C-alpha atoms as a PDB file:
ATOM      1  CA  SER A   1       0.000   0.000   0.000  1.00  0.00           C
ATOM      2  CA  VAL A   2       1.214   3.512  -0.785  1.00  0.00           C
ATOM      3  CA  ALA A   3       0.199   6.891   0.666  1.00  0.00           C
ATOM      4  CA  VAL A   4       1.579  10.020  -1.011  1.00  0.00           C
ATOM      5  CA  PHE A   5       0.478  13.361   0.493  1.00  0.00           C
ATOM      6  CA  SER A   6      -2.387  11.462   2.106  1.00  0.00           C
ATOM      7  CA  GLY A   7      -3.266   8.961   4.797  1.00  0.00           C
ATOM      8  CA  LYS A   8      -4.440   5.351   4.771  1.00  0.00           C
ATOM      9  CA  ASP A   9      -5.944   3.106   7.419  1.00  0.00           C
ATOM     10  CA  ILE A  10      -5.464  -0.590   6.711  1.00  0.00           C
ATOM     11  CA  CYS A  11      -7.084  -3.150   8.993  1.00  0.00           C
ATOM     12  CA  ILE A  12      -6.583  -6.879   8.458  1.00  0.00           C
ATOM     13  CA  ASN A  13      -9.392  -8.737  10.276  1.00  0.00           C
ATOM     14  CA  ARG A  14      -9.555 -12.512  10.600  1.00  0.00           C
ATOM     15  CA  THR A  15      -7.587 -12.958   7.391  1.00  0.00           C
ATOM     16  CA  VAL A  16      -4.289 -14.776   6.960  1.00  0.00           C
ATOM     17  CA  PHE A  17      -1.548 -12.163   6.643  1.00  0.00           C
ATOM     18  CA  ALA A  18       1.421 -13.145   4.479  1.00  0.00           C
ATOM     19  CA  GLY A  19       3.423  -9.897   4.606  1.00  0.00           C
ATOM     20  CA  GLY A  20       3.636  -6.900   2.320  1.00  0.00           C
ATOM     21  CA  THR A  21       4.996  -3.439   1.624  1.00  0.00           C
ATOM     22  CA  VAL A  22       3.822  -0.098   3.001  1.00  0.00           C
ATOM     23  CA  THR A  23       5.207   3.210   1.754  1.00  0.00           C
ATOM     24  CA  ALA A  24       4.394   6.650   3.128  1.00  0.00           C
ATOM     25  CA  VAL A  25       5.729   9.739   1.327  1.00  0.00           C
ATOM     26  CA  PHE A  26       4.657  13.032   2.936  1.00  0.00           C
ATOM     27  CA  GLY A  27       1.771  11.044   4.391  1.00  0.00           C
ATOM     28  CA  GLY A  28       0.868   8.376   6.878  1.00  0.00           C
ATOM     29  CA  ILE A  29      -0.254   4.767   7.061  1.00  0.00           C
ATOM     30  CA  ASP A  30      -1.879   2.940   9.977  1.00  0.00           C
ATOM     31  CA  LEU A  31      -1.530  -0.838   9.513  1.00  0.00           C
ATOM     32  CA  ASN A  32      -3.628  -2.711  12.078  1.00  0.00           C
ATOM     33  CA  LEU A  33      -2.779  -6.411  12.328  1.00  0.00           C
ATOM     34  CA  LYS A  34      -4.266  -6.953  15.820  1.00  0.00           C
ATOM     35  CA  ASN A  35      -6.898  -9.378  14.469  1.00  0.00           C
ATOM     36  CA  ALA A  36      -4.864 -10.798  11.598  1.00  0.00           C
ATOM     37  CA  ILE A  37      -4.056 -14.497  11.436  1.00  0.00           C
ATOM     38  CA  ILE A  38      -0.285 -14.929  11.415  1.00  0.00           C
ATOM     39  CA  ARG A  39       0.698 -18.596  11.379  1.00  0.00           C
ATOM     40  CA  GLU A  40       4.255 -18.357  10.114  1.00  0.00           C
ATOM     41  CA  ASP A  41       7.085 -15.850   9.798  1.00  0.00           C
ATOM     42  CA  VAL A  42       6.256 -12.854   7.579  1.00  0.00           C
ATOM     43  CA  THR A  43       8.101  -9.797   6.301  1.00  0.00           C
ATOM     44  CA  ILE A  44       6.846  -6.219   6.104  1.00  0.00           C
ATOM     45  CA  GLU A  45       8.830  -3.692   4.096  1.00  0.00           C
ATOM     46  CA  ALA A  46       8.126  -0.253   5.546  1.00  0.00           C
ATOM     47  CA  LYS A  47       9.367   2.895   3.800  1.00  0.00           C
ATOM     48  CA  ALA A  48       8.721   6.305   5.357  1.00  0.00           C
ATOM     49  CA  VAL A  49       9.944   9.430   3.553  1.00  0.00           C
ATOM     50  CA  PHE A  50       8.844  12.639   5.302  1.00  0.00           C
ATOM     51  CA  GLY A  51       5.974  10.561   6.666  1.00  0.00           C
ATOM     52  CA  GLY A  52       5.021   8.015   9.255  1.00  0.00           C
ATOM     53  CA  ILE A  53       3.844   4.437   9.529  1.00  0.00           C
ATOM     54  CA  ASP A  54       2.160   2.886  12.584  1.00  0.00           C
ATOM     55  CA  ILE A  55       2.000  -0.913  12.743  1.00  0.00           C
ATOM     56  CA  LEU A  56      -0.130  -2.635  15.396  1.00  0.00           C
ATOM     57  CA  VAL A  57       0.628  -6.331  15.855  1.00  0.00           C
ATOM     58  CA  PRO A  58      -1.175  -9.141  17.708  1.00  0.00           C
ATOM     59  CA  PRO A  59       0.185 -10.276  21.086  1.00  0.00           C
ATOM     60  CA  ASN A  60       1.196 -13.751  19.903  1.00  0.00           C
ATOM     61  CA  VAL A  61       4.084 -12.682  17.638  1.00  0.00           C
ATOM     62  CA  ARG A  62       7.711 -11.674  17.915  1.00  0.00           C
ATOM     63  CA  VAL A  63       8.991  -8.597  16.050  1.00  0.00           C
ATOM     64  CA  MET A  64      12.487  -8.234  14.605  1.00  0.00           C
ATOM     65  CA  VAL A  65      13.545  -4.919  13.025  1.00  0.00           C
ATOM     66  CA  ASP A  66      16.248  -4.228  10.448  1.00  0.00           C
ATOM     67  CA  SER A  67      16.373  -0.593   9.393  1.00  0.00           C
ATOM     68  CA  THR A  68      18.243   2.111   7.555  1.00  0.00           C
ATOM     69  CA  ALA A  69      17.513   5.611   8.795  1.00  0.00           C
ATOM     70  CA  VAL A  70      18.501   9.148   7.830  1.00  0.00           C
ATOM     71  CA  LEU A  71      17.133  11.635  10.370  1.00  0.00           C
ATOM     72  CA  GLY A  72      14.341   9.224  11.231  1.00  0.00           C
ATOM     73  CA  GLY A  73      13.923   5.783  12.699  1.00  0.00           C
ATOM     74  CA  ILE A  74      11.911   2.805  13.824  1.00  0.00           C
ATOM     75  CA  ASP A  75      10.563   2.329  17.351  1.00  0.00           C
ATOM     76  CA  ASN A  76       9.806  -1.282  18.257  1.00  0.00           C
ATOM     77  CA  GLY A  77       7.494  -1.126  21.273  1.00  0.00           C
ATOM     78  CA  VAL A  78       6.636  -4.841  21.248  1.00  0.00           C
ATOM     79  CA  ALA A  79       7.716  -6.697  24.369  1.00  0.00           C
ATOM     80  CA  PRO A  80      10.042  -9.631  23.671  1.00  0.00           C
ATOM     81  CA  GLN A  81       8.448 -13.073  23.813  1.00  0.00           C
ATOM     82  CA  THR A  82       9.754 -14.885  26.874  1.00  0.00           C
ATOM     83  CA  SER A  83       7.657 -18.031  26.712  1.00  0.00           C
ATOM     84  CA  GLY A  84       9.395 -21.202  25.634  1.00  0.00           C
ATOM     85  CA  LYS A  85       6.996 -21.927  22.785  1.00  0.00           C
ATOM     86  CA  LYS A  86       7.686 -21.003  19.177  1.00  0.00           C
ATOM     87  CA  VAL A  87       5.718 -18.022  17.926  1.00  0.00           C
ATOM     88  CA  PRO A  88       5.649 -16.486  14.436  1.00  0.00           C
ATOM     89  CA  THR A  89       8.042 -13.630  13.786  1.00  0.00           C
ATOM     90  CA  ILE A  90       7.232 -10.427  11.920  1.00  0.00           C
ATOM     91  CA  TYR A  91      10.408  -9.159  10.248  1.00  0.00           C
ATOM     92  CA  ILE A  92      10.239  -5.445   9.551  1.00  0.00           C
ATOM     93  CA  LYS A  93      12.681  -4.131   6.986  1.00  0.00           C
ATOM     94  CA  GLY A  94      12.505  -0.377   7.279  1.00  0.00           C
ATOM     95  CA  THR A  95      13.829   2.600   5.411  1.00  0.00           C
ATOM     96  CA  CYS A  96      13.224   5.986   7.039  1.00  0.00           C
ATOM     97  CA  VAL A  97      14.272   9.329   5.570  1.00  0.00           C
ATOM     98  CA  PHE A  98      12.997  12.220   7.685  1.00  0.00           C
ATOM     99  CA  GLY A  99      10.233   9.843   8.729  1.00  0.00           C
ATOM    100  CA  GLY A 100       9.433   7.143  11.210  1.00  0.00           C
ATOM    101  CA  VAL A 101       7.853   3.769  11.837  1.00  0.00           C
ATOM    102  CA  ASP A 102       6.235   2.812  15.167  1.00  0.00           C
ATOM    103  CA  VAL A 103       5.503  -0.823  15.987  1.00  0.00           C
ATOM    104  CA  ASN A 104       3.207  -1.665  18.902  1.00  0.00           C
END
């Protein structure tokens, strides 16, 4: 999904989520995965250029972030999984230029 000089709200409800790409240029994207079905590891490519992206994830996942930032960044607010059982991982590959990505 792409938002240029605009905003988008994306909500994945009770649907299997397999990953994707979100790009915000002078705009914003809210990606709500709280009710998504995530059974295996997935990758989200998040690109924020003079914009912002908010990603809400369900409680039963782990989040790993790999980012490149120029006067911006990614904030991973998801608590690490400490249980011994295997949970799916959301890999976020981020690029931020004067923009940011928040994961909660």
